[in-house]
Amino acid sequence: MLSMNTAYSITSKGQVTVPKALRDAVGITPAHRVTFHRRGQDIIIRKTPTLEEVSAELRKKYAHKIPPNVTQKDYNNARAKFEEQGGVW
């Protein structure tokens, strides 16, 4: 497990940079979002999967249930509608 015992400064805007080694270790890229959770006096940051990661996982899990007539165009239209309605993962 990667040990991060270095203290980092928080900017006047409340921002902090997640160290590259830590981002790499958990697979956080600019495409990802993160969520913040409070546990007592600690703040936990969790990687939120991208829409593509969730979609791939669901396709793998439910491949046997997807109707054979669903096209990539159908998928793209559904995704666009989801994003237009403010859908965020």
Protein backbone atom coordinates (compact mmCIF):
# COMPACT_ATOMS: atom_id res chain seq x y z
CA MET A 1 0.00 0.00 0.00
CA LEU A 2 1.22 3.47 -0.89
CA SER A 3 2.07 5.50 2.19
CA MET A 4 1.46 9.23 2.02
CA ASN A 5 2.76 10.86 5.19
CA THR A 6 3.46 14.27 3.69
CA ALA A 7 1.29 17.25 4.60
CA TYR A 8 -0.01 19.36 1.71
CA SER A 9 -1.19 22.96 1.75
CA ILE A 10 -4.72 24.00 0.98
CA THR A 11 -5.14 27.09 -1.21
CA SER A 12 -7.24 30.08 -0.23
CA LYS A 13 -9.95 28.59 -2.46
CA GLY A 14 -9.93 25.33 -0.46
CA GLN A 15 -8.12 23.36 -3.15
CA VAL A 16 -5.44 20.73 -2.69
CA THR A 17 -3.55 18.70 -5.29
CA VAL A 18 -3.83 14.94 -4.97
CA PRO A 19 -0.26 13.62 -5.41
CA LYS A 20 0.40 11.94 -8.78
CA ALA A 21 1.64 8.73 -7.16
CA LEU A 22 -1.63 8.46 -5.25
CA ARG A 23 -3.77 9.29 -8.32
CA ASP A 24 -1.87 6.67 -10.32
CA ALA A 25 -2.21 4.07 -7.56
CA VAL A 26 -6.02 4.30 -7.56
CA GLY A 27 -6.49 5.12 -11.24
CA ILE A 28 -7.81 8.67 -10.96
CA THR A 29 -7.65 10.53 -14.26
CA PRO A 30 -8.99 13.94 -15.33
CA ALA A 31 -12.11 12.10 -16.58
CA HIS A 32 -12.99 11.03 -13.02
CA ARG A 33 -14.95 12.81 -10.36
CA VAL A 34 -14.35 12.29 -6.65
CA THR A 35 -16.65 12.36 -3.67
CA PHE A 36 -15.80 13.63 -0.21
CA HIS A 37 -16.95 11.90 2.96
CA ARG A 38 -16.51 13.01 6.55
CA ARG A 39 -15.52 10.46 9.17
CA GLY A 40 -15.12 12.27 12.49
CA GLN A 41 -12.33 14.79 11.90
CA ASP A 42 -11.08 12.98 8.78
CA ILE A 43 -12.02 13.63 5.16
CA ILE A 44 -12.15 10.58 2.89
CA ILE A 45 -11.86 11.12 -0.88
CA ARG A 46 -13.31 8.39 -3.09
CA LYS A 47 -12.93 7.92 -6.82
CA THR A 48 -16.26 7.96 -8.63
CA PRO A 49 -16.34 5.73 -11.71
CA THR A 50 -16.78 7.37 -15.11
CA LEU A 51 -19.91 6.76 -17.15
CA GLU A 52 -17.84 4.58 -19.47
CA GLU A 53 -16.60 2.43 -16.57
CA VAL A 54 -20.10 1.97 -15.19
CA SER A 55 -21.48 1.25 -18.65
CA ALA A 56 -18.79 -1.36 -19.35
CA GLU A 57 -19.43 -3.02 -16.01
CA LEU A 58 -23.19 -3.13 -16.61
CA ARG A 59 -22.72 -4.47 -20.16
CA LYS A 60 -20.50 -7.23 -18.78
CA LYS A 61 -22.90 -8.04 -15.94
CA TYR A 62 -26.09 -7.96 -18.01
CA ALA A 63 -24.80 -8.99 -21.45
CA HIS A 64 -27.16 -11.96 -21.51
CA LYS A 65 -30.16 -9.66 -20.90
CA ILE A 66 -29.49 -6.94 -23.50
CA PRO A 67 -31.82 -7.32 -26.48
CA PRO A 68 -29.87 -8.15 -29.65
CA ASN A 69 -31.50 -5.27 -31.56
CA VAL A 70 -29.98 -2.51 -29.35
CA THR A 71 -27.54 -0.55 -31.49
CA GLN A 72 -24.65 1.74 -30.68
CA LYS A 73 -26.84 4.61 -31.91
CA ASP A 74 -29.51 3.64 -29.33
CA TYR A 75 -26.85 3.62 -26.63
CA ASN A 76 -25.46 7.00 -27.74
CA ASN A 77 -28.95 8.54 -27.81
CA ALA A 78 -29.71 7.24 -24.31
CA ARG A 79 -26.40 8.55 -23.02
CA ALA A 80 -26.97 11.99 -24.60
CA LYS A 81 -30.44 12.19 -23.04
CA PHE A 82 -29.00 11.19 -19.66
CA GLU A 83 -26.35 13.93 -19.87
CA GLU A 84 -28.87 16.54 -21.10
CA GLN A 85 -30.93 15.87 -18.00
CA GLY A 86 -27.92 16.63 -15.82
CA GLY A 87 -26.85 13.05 -15.24
CA VAL A 88 -23.50 12.86 -13.45
CA TRP A 89 -21.64 9.84 -12.15
